Amino acid sequence: MLPSSLEQSPRVYAGVRFDVHRVELHGTDGQMHVRDLVVHPGSVLIIPELDDRHLILIRNHRFSADETLWELPAGTIEPAGEAPLVCAQREIIEETGYRAATMDHLLTFFACPGISTEQMHMYLARGLEHVGQDLDASEQIEPRVVSVADALAMVKNGEIRDGKTLAGLLYYDMWSRQQ
């Protein structure tokens, strides 16, 4: 969603999942500065808790990185106005093959506020039941059960390099220790 202060900015690219607007900003030097802004419908990040010691991570091939990365499941909210919770319920099945009995909202944060309007909604999924993956044709994803201790070790040793997954796992670790 485009911030109201930028509604008059021209759209220079209309994409499948996001648009790009050209924005003029008044600088402290009195000059106008041009920036490109990714206008994004938002996304979800899911922490699938199998039990109090195990999570489900995914091995996701990312064409943009030309690598297969360790990640928490996530997805883009459909631009037609899909609710974040509905998106999270859809994405956990698609990517992990599990349906969640409960989905608790933990946090909403800006994914990359320097260039994008994207807000990411983080959910904790519990009461998981295996129902089978429902991947999009373009996705190459393998779910894996990982202990919480191993996931945190993977963060520490640099094996997990996806930013949203780093944020999610570290937040989960902090949050779960306070319960």
N, C-alpha and C. Protein backbone atom coordinates (compact mmCIF):
# COMPACT_ATOMS: atom_id res chain seq x y z
N MET A 1 0.85 -1.18 0.00
CA MET A 1 0.00 0.00 0.00
C MET A 1 0.89 1.24 0.00
N LEU A 2 0.52 2.20 -0.81
CA LEU A 2 1.28 3.44 -0.92
C LEU A 2 0.90 4.40 0.21
N PRO A 3 1.89 4.92 0.95
CA PRO A 3 1.58 5.90 2.00
C PRO A 3 0.85 7.10 1.40
N SER A 4 -0.10 7.66 2.14
CA SER A 4 -0.92 8.76 1.62
C SER A 4 -0.09 9.95 1.19
N SER A 5 1.04 10.18 1.85
CA SER A 5 1.90 11.32 1.48
C SER A 5 2.55 11.13 0.10
N LEU A 6 2.49 9.91 -0.43
CA LEU A 6 3.13 9.61 -1.71
C LEU A 6 2.13 9.23 -2.80
N GLU A 7 0.83 9.44 -2.55
CA GLU A 7 -0.20 9.00 -3.49
C GLU A 7 -0.07 9.63 -4.88
N GLN A 8 0.55 10.78 -4.97
CA GLN A 8 0.68 11.45 -6.27
C GLN A 8 1.92 11.00 -7.04
N SER A 9 2.72 10.13 -6.46
CA SER A 9 3.94 9.69 -7.14
C SER A 9 3.58 8.78 -8.31
N PRO A 10 4.27 8.94 -9.44
CA PRO A 10 3.95 8.12 -10.60
C PRO A 10 4.43 6.67 -10.44
N ARG A 11 3.59 5.75 -10.91
CA ARG A 11 3.99 4.35 -10.95
C ARG A 11 4.82 4.16 -12.22
N VAL A 12 6.03 3.64 -12.06
CA VAL A 12 6.91 3.44 -13.21
C VAL A 12 7.02 1.97 -13.60
N TYR A 13 6.49 1.09 -12.75
CA TYR A 13 6.49 -0.33 -13.05
C TYR A 13 5.31 -0.98 -12.34
N ALA A 14 4.52 -1.75 -13.06
CA ALA A 14 3.42 -2.51 -12.48
C ALA A 14 3.78 -3.99 -12.57
N GLY A 15 4.04 -4.60 -11.44
CA GLY A 15 4.46 -5.99 -11.42
C GLY A 15 3.36 -6.93 -10.99
N VAL A 16 3.71 -8.21 -10.97
CA VAL A 16 2.77 -9.25 -10.56
C VAL A 16 2.50 -9.17 -9.05
N ARG A 17 3.56 -8.96 -8.26
CA ARG A 17 3.42 -8.94 -6.81
C ARG A 17 3.64 -7.58 -6.18
N PHE A 18 4.24 -6.66 -6.90
CA PHE A 18 4.49 -5.32 -6.37
C PHE A 18 4.60 -4.33 -7.51
N ASP A 19 4.51 -3.04 -7.18
CA ASP A 19 4.71 -1.96 -8.13
C ASP A 19 5.91 -1.15 -7.68
N VAL A 20 6.41 -0.32 -8.59
CA VAL A 20 7.48 0.61 -8.25
C VAL A 20 7.00 2.01 -8.60
N HIS A 21 7.14 2.91 -7.64
CA HIS A 21 6.78 4.32 -7.84
C HIS A 21 8.05 5.17 -7.80
N ARG A 22 8.05 6.24 -8.54
CA ARG A 22 9.14 7.22 -8.52
C ARG A 22 8.68 8.33 -7.58
N VAL A 23 9.48 8.59 -6.57
CA VAL A 23 9.11 9.52 -5.51
C VAL A 23 10.11 10.67 -5.47
N GLU A 24 9.59 11.88 -5.32
CA GLU A 24 10.46 13.05 -5.13
C GLU A 24 10.38 13.47 -3.66
N LEU A 25 11.54 13.62 -3.04
CA LEU A 25 11.63 13.97 -1.63
C LEU A 25 12.37 15.29 -1.47
N HIS A 26 11.90 16.12 -0.56
CA HIS A 26 12.60 17.37 -0.24
C HIS A 26 13.74 17.04 0.70
N GLY A 27 14.94 17.39 0.32
CA GLY A 27 16.10 17.13 1.15
C GLY A 27 16.38 18.28 2.10
N THR A 28 17.18 18.02 3.10
CA THR A 28 17.56 19.08 4.06
C THR A 28 18.45 20.12 3.39
N ASP A 29 18.96 19.78 2.20
CA ASP A 29 19.79 20.73 1.45
C ASP A 29 18.94 21.64 0.56
N GLY A 30 17.60 21.53 0.67
CA GLY A 30 16.70 22.35 -0.13
C GLY A 30 16.47 21.82 -1.54
N GLN A 31 17.10 20.72 -1.89
CA GLN A 31 16.97 20.14 -3.22
C GLN A 31 15.92 19.02 -3.22
N MET A 32 15.42 18.72 -4.42
CA MET A 32 14.53 17.56 -4.60
C MET A 32 15.41 16.35 -4.92
N HIS A 33 15.09 15.23 -4.30
CA HIS A 33 15.83 13.99 -4.52
C HIS A 33 14.86 12.93 -5.00
N VAL A 34 15.24 12.19 -6.03
CA VAL A 34 14.39 11.18 -6.62
C VAL A 34 14.77 9.80 -6.07
N ARG A 35 13.76 9.05 -5.66
CA ARG A 35 13.96 7.69 -5.17
C ARG A 35 12.91 6.78 -5.81
N ASP A 36 13.25 5.51 -5.94
CA ASP A 36 12.28 4.51 -6.38
C ASP A 36 11.79 3.77 -5.14
N LEU A 37 10.49 3.52 -5.08
CA LEU A 37 9.87 2.89 -3.92
C LEU A 37 9.09 1.66 -4.37
N VAL A 38 9.40 0.51 -3.76
CA VAL A 38 8.65 -0.71 -4.02
C VAL A 38 7.38 -0.65 -3.18
N VAL A 39 6.23 -0.66 -3.85
CA VAL A 39 4.94 -0.64 -3.16
C VAL A 39 4.44 -2.09 -3.12
N HIS A 40 4.38 -2.63 -1.92
CA HIS A 40 4.19 -4.06 -1.70
C HIS A 40 2.94 -4.30 -0.86
N PRO A 41 2.14 -5.33 -1.15
CA PRO A 41 0.91 -5.58 -0.38
C PRO A 41 1.14 -6.13 1.03
N GLY A 42 2.37 -6.51 1.35
CA GLY A 42 2.67 -7.08 2.66
C GLY A 42 2.89 -8.58 2.55
N SER A 43 3.36 -9.16 3.64
CA SER A 43 3.70 -10.57 3.63
C SER A 43 3.54 -11.15 5.04
N VAL A 44 3.71 -12.46 5.10
CA VAL A 44 3.64 -13.17 6.38
C VAL A 44 4.89 -14.01 6.57
N LEU A 45 5.23 -14.25 7.81
CA LEU A 45 6.33 -15.11 8.22
C LEU A 45 5.75 -16.04 9.28
N ILE A 46 5.99 -17.33 9.13
CA ILE A 46 5.38 -18.30 10.03
C ILE A 46 6.46 -19.09 10.75
N ILE A 47 6.30 -19.23 12.07
CA ILE A 47 7.17 -20.07 12.86
C ILE A 47 6.36 -21.32 13.21
N PRO A 48 6.57 -22.42 12.46
CA PRO A 48 5.82 -23.65 12.71
C PRO A 48 6.46 -24.45 13.85
N GLU A 49 5.79 -24.46 14.99
CA GLU A 49 6.30 -25.14 16.19
C GLU A 49 5.68 -26.53 16.25
N LEU A 50 6.48 -27.55 15.97
CA LEU A 50 5.99 -28.92 16.01
C LEU A 50 5.75 -29.36 17.45
N ASP A 51 6.69 -29.02 18.31
CA ASP A 51 6.55 -29.20 19.76
C ASP A 51 7.50 -28.19 20.40
N ASP A 52 7.65 -28.22 21.72
CA ASP A 52 8.44 -27.17 22.36
C ASP A 52 9.93 -27.26 22.08
N ARG A 53 10.37 -28.30 21.37
CA ARG A 53 11.78 -28.42 21.04
C ARG A 53 12.08 -28.49 19.54
N HIS A 54 11.03 -28.51 18.71
CA HIS A 54 11.23 -28.68 17.27
C HIS A 54 10.39 -27.71 16.44
N LEU A 55 11.02 -27.21 15.38
CA LEU A 55 10.36 -26.32 14.43
C LEU A 55 10.45 -26.96 13.05
N ILE A 56 9.67 -26.44 12.14
CA ILE A 56 9.78 -26.86 10.74
C ILE A 56 10.39 -25.70 9.97
N LEU A 57 11.56 -25.94 9.40
CA LEU A 57 12.20 -25.01 8.49
C LEU A 57 12.02 -25.56 7.08
N ILE A 58 12.29 -24.72 6.10
CA ILE A 58 12.23 -25.18 4.72
C ILE A 58 13.56 -24.91 4.03
N ARG A 59 13.87 -25.76 3.08
CA ARG A 59 14.99 -25.54 2.16
C ARG A 59 14.32 -25.02 0.90
N ASN A 60 14.58 -23.76 0.57
CA ASN A 60 13.86 -23.06 -0.50
C ASN A 60 14.86 -22.57 -1.54
N HIS A 61 14.70 -23.03 -2.78
CA HIS A 61 15.59 -22.55 -3.84
C HIS A 61 15.13 -21.16 -4.24
N ARG A 62 16.03 -20.18 -4.13
CA ARG A 62 15.75 -18.79 -4.47
C ARG A 62 16.52 -18.43 -5.73
N PHE A 63 15.78 -18.21 -6.83
CA PHE A 63 16.43 -17.87 -8.09
C PHE A 63 17.22 -16.57 -7.99
N SER A 64 16.74 -15.63 -7.17
CA SER A 64 17.42 -14.33 -7.05
C SER A 64 18.79 -14.46 -6.39
N ALA A 65 18.95 -15.43 -5.52
CA ALA A 65 20.24 -15.66 -4.86
C ALA A 65 21.02 -16.78 -5.54
N ASP A 66 20.35 -17.50 -6.44
CA ASP A 66 20.92 -18.68 -7.10
C ASP A 66 21.45 -19.67 -6.07
N GLU A 67 20.67 -19.82 -4.99
CA GLU A 67 21.03 -20.73 -3.91
C GLU A 67 19.77 -21.32 -3.30
N THR A 68 19.95 -22.44 -2.61
CA THR A 68 18.90 -23.01 -1.79
C THR A 68 19.19 -22.58 -0.36
N LEU A 69 18.22 -21.87 0.24
CA LEU A 69 18.40 -21.27 1.56
C LEU A 69 17.56 -21.96 2.61
N TRP A 70 18.05 -21.95 3.84
CA TRP A 70 17.23 -22.34 4.99
C TRP A 70 16.34 -21.16 5.33
N GLU A 71 15.03 -21.42 5.48
CA GLU A 71 14.09 -20.35 5.77
C GLU A 71 12.96 -20.86 6.66
N LEU A 72 12.29 -19.90 7.27
CA LEU A 72 10.96 -20.14 7.83
C LEU A 72 9.98 -19.95 6.68
N PRO A 73 8.84 -20.65 6.68
CA PRO A 73 7.87 -20.43 5.61
C PRO A 73 7.34 -19.00 5.65
N ALA A 74 7.06 -18.47 4.47
CA ALA A 74 6.60 -17.09 4.34
C ALA A 74 5.89 -16.94 3.01
N GLY A 75 5.21 -15.82 2.85
CA GLY A 75 4.56 -15.59 1.57
C GLY A 75 3.98 -14.20 1.47
N THR A 76 3.65 -13.83 0.25
CA THR A 76 3.10 -12.51 -0.05
C THR A 76 1.59 -12.53 0.07
N ILE A 77 1.07 -11.51 0.72
CA ILE A 77 -0.38 -11.32 0.81
C ILE A 77 -0.89 -11.02 -0.59
N GLU A 78 -1.97 -11.67 -0.97
CA GLU A 78 -2.52 -11.44 -2.30
C GLU A 78 -2.98 -9.98 -2.40
N PRO A 79 -2.59 -9.30 -3.48
CA PRO A 79 -2.88 -7.86 -3.61
C PRO A 79 -4.36 -7.49 -3.54
N ALA A 80 -5.23 -8.44 -3.76
CA ALA A 80 -6.66 -8.14 -3.73
C ALA A 80 -7.19 -7.89 -2.32
N GLY A 81 -6.31 -7.86 -1.32
CA GLY A 81 -6.74 -7.53 0.03
C GLY A 81 -6.89 -8.72 0.96
N GLU A 82 -6.16 -9.79 0.70
CA GLU A 82 -6.19 -10.96 1.56
C GLU A 82 -5.77 -10.57 2.99
N ALA A 83 -6.43 -11.10 3.99
CA ALA A 83 -6.06 -10.84 5.38
C ALA A 83 -4.75 -11.58 5.69
N PRO A 84 -3.87 -10.96 6.49
CA PRO A 84 -2.60 -11.63 6.82
C PRO A 84 -2.79 -13.03 7.42
N LEU A 85 -3.75 -13.22 8.30
CA LEU A 85 -3.98 -14.53 8.90
C LEU A 85 -4.35 -15.56 7.84
N VAL A 86 -5.21 -15.19 6.91
CA VAL A 86 -5.61 -16.10 5.83
C VAL A 86 -4.39 -16.47 4.98
N CYS A 87 -3.55 -15.49 4.70
CA CYS A 87 -2.33 -15.74 3.95
C CYS A 87 -1.43 -16.72 4.71
N ALA A 88 -1.25 -16.52 6.01
CA ALA A 88 -0.41 -17.40 6.82
C ALA A 88 -0.96 -18.83 6.82
N GLN A 89 -2.28 -18.97 6.94
CA GLN A 89 -2.89 -20.30 6.93
C GLN A 89 -2.67 -21.00 5.59
N ARG A 90 -2.74 -20.24 4.51
CA ARG A 90 -2.52 -20.79 3.17
C ARG A 90 -1.05 -21.16 2.97
N GLU A 91 -0.15 -20.27 3.35
CA GLU A 91 1.28 -20.47 3.10
C GLU A 91 1.88 -21.63 3.89
N ILE A 92 1.44 -21.84 5.14
CA ILE A 92 2.03 -22.93 5.92
C ILE A 92 1.72 -24.28 5.27
N ILE A 93 0.50 -24.43 4.74
CA ILE A 93 0.16 -25.68 4.05
C ILE A 93 0.96 -25.79 2.76
N GLU A 94 0.96 -24.72 1.95
CA GLU A 94 1.68 -24.76 0.68
C GLU A 94 3.13 -25.18 0.87
N GLU A 95 3.84 -24.54 1.80
CA GLU A 95 5.28 -24.71 1.89
C GLU A 95 5.74 -25.84 2.79
N THR A 96 5.01 -26.14 3.87
CA THR A 96 5.46 -27.20 4.79
C THR A 96 4.64 -28.47 4.69
N GLY A 97 3.40 -28.36 4.21
CA GLY A 97 2.51 -29.51 4.19
C GLY A 97 1.79 -29.73 5.50
N TYR A 98 1.87 -28.75 6.42
CA TYR A 98 1.19 -28.86 7.71
C TYR A 98 0.11 -27.79 7.82
N ARG A 99 -1.01 -28.16 8.44
CA ARG A 99 -2.07 -27.21 8.79
C ARG A 99 -1.94 -26.94 10.28
N ALA A 100 -2.15 -25.70 10.67
CA ALA A 100 -2.02 -25.30 12.07
C ALA A 100 -3.39 -25.20 12.73
N ALA A 101 -3.51 -25.76 13.93
CA ALA A 101 -4.75 -25.62 14.71
C ALA A 101 -4.88 -24.19 15.24
N THR A 102 -3.73 -23.59 15.62
CA THR A 102 -3.75 -22.20 16.09
C THR A 102 -2.64 -21.43 15.39
N MET A 103 -2.92 -20.16 15.19
CA MET A 103 -1.97 -19.26 14.53
C MET A 103 -2.01 -17.96 15.31
N ASP A 104 -0.98 -17.71 16.14
CA ASP A 104 -0.94 -16.52 16.99
C ASP A 104 -0.05 -15.45 16.37
N HIS A 105 -0.60 -14.24 16.26
CA HIS A 105 0.18 -13.12 15.73
C HIS A 105 1.18 -12.69 16.79
N LEU A 106 2.45 -12.61 16.41
CA LEU A 106 3.50 -12.22 17.35
C LEU A 106 3.95 -10.78 17.15
N LEU A 107 4.06 -10.34 15.88
CA LEU A 107 4.73 -9.08 15.61
C LEU A 107 4.49 -8.68 14.16
N THR A 108 4.45 -7.38 13.90
CA THR A 108 4.46 -6.87 12.53
C THR A 108 5.64 -5.92 12.43
N PHE A 109 6.43 -6.07 11.35
CA PHE A 109 7.63 -5.24 11.18
C PHE A 109 7.81 -4.89 9.72
N PHE A 110 8.59 -3.84 9.46
CA PHE A 110 8.93 -3.46 8.10
C PHE A 110 10.07 -4.36 7.63
N ALA A 111 9.91 -4.96 6.47
CA ALA A 111 10.92 -5.89 5.95
C ALA A 111 12.17 -5.16 5.45
N CYS A 112 11.99 -4.04 4.76
CA CYS A 112 13.13 -3.30 4.19
C CYS A 112 12.69 -1.85 3.96
N PRO A 113 12.53 -1.06 5.04
CA PRO A 113 11.90 0.25 4.93
C PRO A 113 12.68 1.28 4.12
N GLY A 114 13.92 1.01 3.79
CA GLY A 114 14.68 1.96 2.97
C GLY A 114 14.22 2.02 1.53
N ILE A 115 13.58 0.93 1.06
CA ILE A 115 13.16 0.89 -0.35
C ILE A 115 11.75 0.36 -0.58
N SER A 116 11.07 -0.08 0.50
CA SER A 116 9.80 -0.79 0.30
C SER A 116 8.78 -0.45 1.38
N THR A 117 7.49 -0.54 1.00
CA THR A 117 6.40 -0.36 1.95
C THR A 117 6.02 -1.68 2.63
N GLU A 118 6.68 -2.78 2.28
CA GLU A 118 6.30 -4.10 2.77
C GLU A 118 6.34 -4.19 4.29
N GLN A 119 5.21 -4.62 4.86
CA GLN A 119 5.15 -4.97 6.27
C GLN A 119 4.97 -6.48 6.36
N MET A 120 5.72 -7.10 7.26
CA MET A 120 5.68 -8.55 7.42
C MET A 120 5.00 -8.87 8.76
N HIS A 121 4.04 -9.76 8.70
CA HIS A 121 3.26 -10.18 9.88
C HIS A 121 3.77 -11.55 10.32
N MET A 122 4.32 -11.63 11.53
CA MET A 122 4.90 -12.86 12.05
C MET A 122 3.87 -13.62 12.89
N TYR A 123 3.73 -14.92 12.59
CA TYR A 123 2.79 -15.78 13.30
C TYR A 123 3.50 -16.99 13.88
N LEU A 124 3.01 -17.44 15.03
CA LEU A 124 3.44 -18.70 15.63
C LEU A 124 2.35 -19.73 15.37
N ALA A 125 2.71 -20.79 14.66
CA ALA A 125 1.75 -21.85 14.30
C ALA A 125 1.97 -23.05 15.22
N ARG A 126 0.87 -23.51 15.82
CA ARG A 126 0.93 -24.66 16.74
C ARG A 126 -0.18 -25.65 16.40
N GLY A 127 -0.07 -26.83 16.99
CA GLY A 127 -1.07 -27.86 16.75
C GLY A 127 -1.03 -28.31 15.29
N LEU A 128 0.16 -28.65 14.83
CA LEU A 128 0.36 -28.94 13.41
C LEU A 128 -0.11 -30.36 13.05
N GLU A 129 -0.79 -30.44 11.93
CA GLU A 129 -1.27 -31.72 11.38
C GLU A 129 -0.78 -31.81 9.93
N HIS A 130 -0.14 -32.92 9.61
CA HIS A 130 0.38 -33.08 8.25
C HIS A 130 -0.76 -33.34 7.27
N VAL A 131 -0.84 -32.51 6.22
CA VAL A 131 -1.88 -32.65 5.19
C VAL A 131 -1.28 -32.70 3.78
N GLY A 132 0.01 -32.50 3.65
CA GLY A 132 0.68 -32.53 2.35
C GLY A 132 0.90 -31.14 1.76
N GLN A 133 2.03 -30.96 1.11
CA GLN A 133 2.37 -29.68 0.50
C GLN A 133 1.46 -29.37 -0.68
N ASP A 134 1.31 -28.08 -0.95
CA ASP A 134 0.53 -27.60 -2.09
C ASP A 134 1.31 -26.46 -2.75
N LEU A 135 2.48 -26.80 -3.29
CA LEU A 135 3.40 -25.80 -3.83
C LEU A 135 2.89 -25.17 -5.11
N ASP A 136 3.27 -23.90 -5.31
CA ASP A 136 3.09 -23.26 -6.61
C ASP A 136 4.05 -23.95 -7.57
N ALA A 137 3.73 -23.93 -8.85
CA ALA A 137 4.55 -24.61 -9.86
C ALA A 137 5.98 -24.10 -9.90
N SER A 138 6.20 -22.85 -9.51
CA SER A 138 7.55 -22.27 -9.59
C SER A 138 8.38 -22.52 -8.33
N GLU A 139 7.81 -23.17 -7.32
CA GLU A 139 8.51 -23.34 -6.04
C GLU A 139 9.23 -24.69 -5.96
N GLN A 140 10.43 -24.67 -5.36
CA GLN A 140 11.21 -25.86 -5.06
C GLN A 140 11.53 -25.81 -3.57
N ILE A 141 10.66 -26.43 -2.76
CA ILE A 141 10.75 -26.30 -1.30
C ILE A 141 10.70 -27.68 -0.66
N GLU A 142 11.63 -27.92 0.28
CA GLU A 142 11.65 -29.14 1.08
C GLU A 142 11.50 -28.78 2.54
N PRO A 143 10.44 -29.23 3.22
CA PRO A 143 10.33 -28.99 4.66
C PRO A 143 11.23 -29.93 5.45
N ARG A 144 11.77 -29.43 6.56
CA ARG A 144 12.64 -30.24 7.42
C ARG A 144 12.32 -29.94 8.88
N VAL A 145 12.22 -30.97 9.69
CA VAL A 145 12.07 -30.80 11.14
C VAL A 145 13.46 -30.56 11.71
N VAL A 146 13.59 -29.48 12.48
CA VAL A 146 14.88 -29.08 13.05
C VAL A 146 14.65 -28.75 14.52
N SER A 147 15.55 -29.17 15.37
CA SER A 147 15.41 -28.79 16.78
C SER A 147 15.64 -27.29 16.91
N VAL A 148 15.02 -26.71 17.92
CA VAL A 148 15.22 -25.28 18.18
C VAL A 148 16.70 -25.00 18.41
N ALA A 149 17.36 -25.87 19.17
CA ALA A 149 18.79 -25.68 19.44
C ALA A 149 19.61 -25.70 18.15
N ASP A 150 19.29 -26.63 17.24
CA ASP A 150 20.02 -26.69 15.97
C ASP A 150 19.73 -25.46 15.11
N ALA A 151 18.48 -25.00 15.09
CA ALA A 151 18.14 -23.81 14.31
C ALA A 151 18.92 -22.60 14.82
N LEU A 152 19.02 -22.44 16.13
CA LEU A 152 19.77 -21.32 16.70
C LEU A 152 21.27 -21.46 16.43
N ALA A 153 21.77 -22.68 16.43
CA ALA A 153 23.17 -22.91 16.08
C ALA A 153 23.42 -22.54 14.61
N MET A 154 22.44 -22.82 13.75
CA MET A 154 22.55 -22.47 12.33
C MET A 154 22.56 -20.95 12.14
N VAL A 155 21.84 -20.24 13.00
CA VAL A 155 21.89 -18.77 12.97
C VAL A 155 23.30 -18.32 13.35
N LYS A 156 23.80 -18.86 14.47
CA LYS A 156 25.11 -18.44 14.99
C LYS A 156 26.24 -18.72 14.02
N ASN A 157 26.19 -19.88 13.33
CA ASN A 157 27.30 -20.24 12.45
C ASN A 157 27.15 -19.72 11.02
N GLY A 158 26.09 -18.94 10.76
CA GLY A 158 25.93 -18.33 9.44
C GLY A 158 25.30 -19.23 8.40
N GLU A 159 24.83 -20.38 8.81
CA GLU A 159 24.19 -21.30 7.85
C GLU A 159 22.82 -20.78 7.42
N ILE A 160 22.14 -20.06 8.30
CA ILE A 160 20.88 -19.38 7.94
C ILE A 160 21.25 -17.94 7.59
N ARG A 161 20.94 -17.56 6.34
CA ARG A 161 21.32 -16.24 5.85
C ARG A 161 20.14 -15.40 5.40
N ASP A 162 18.95 -15.93 5.47
CA ASP A 162 17.74 -15.20 5.09
C ASP A 162 17.34 -14.27 6.24
N GLY A 163 17.21 -12.97 5.94
CA GLY A 163 16.96 -11.98 6.97
C GLY A 163 15.68 -12.18 7.76
N LYS A 164 14.59 -12.50 7.09
CA LYS A 164 13.32 -12.68 7.80
C LYS A 164 13.39 -13.91 8.72
N THR A 165 14.13 -14.93 8.30
CA THR A 165 14.28 -16.13 9.12
C THR A 165 15.16 -15.84 10.33
N LEU A 166 16.22 -15.08 10.13
CA LEU A 166 17.05 -14.66 11.26
C LEU A 166 16.21 -13.91 12.29
N ALA A 167 15.44 -12.92 11.81
CA ALA A 167 14.59 -12.13 12.71
C ALA A 167 13.57 -13.02 13.42
N GLY A 168 12.94 -13.90 12.67
CA GLY A 168 11.91 -14.76 13.25
C GLY A 168 12.45 -15.71 14.30
N LEU A 169 13.57 -16.36 14.00
CA LEU A 169 14.14 -17.31 14.96
C LEU A 169 14.65 -16.62 16.22
N LEU A 170 15.30 -15.48 16.05
CA LEU A 170 15.81 -14.76 17.22
C LEU A 170 14.68 -14.20 18.07
N TYR A 171 13.62 -13.70 17.41
CA TYR A 171 12.45 -13.23 18.15
C TYR A 171 11.79 -14.39 18.89
N TYR A 172 11.63 -15.52 18.21
CA TYR A 172 11.03 -16.72 18.82
C TYR A 172 11.84 -17.16 20.04
N ASP A 173 13.16 -17.18 19.91
CA ASP A 173 14.01 -17.58 21.02
C ASP A 173 13.81 -16.64 22.21
N MET A 174 13.82 -15.34 21.96
CA MET A 174 13.62 -14.36 23.03
C MET A 174 12.22 -14.51 23.64
N TRP A 175 11.20 -14.61 22.77
CA TRP A 175 9.81 -14.70 23.22
C TRP A 175 9.56 -15.98 24.01
N SER A 176 10.08 -17.11 23.52
CA SER A 176 9.81 -18.39 24.17
C SER A 176 10.49 -18.49 25.54
N ARG A 177 11.63 -17.83 25.71
CA ARG A 177 12.30 -17.85 27.00
C ARG A 177 11.54 -17.03 28.04
N GLN A 178 10.69 -16.12 27.59
CA GLN A 178 9.91 -15.28 28.52
C GLN A 178 8.58 -15.91 28.88
N GLN A 179 8.24 -17.03 28.29
CA GLN A 179 6.96 -17.68 28.57
C GLN A 179 7.00 -18.48 29.84
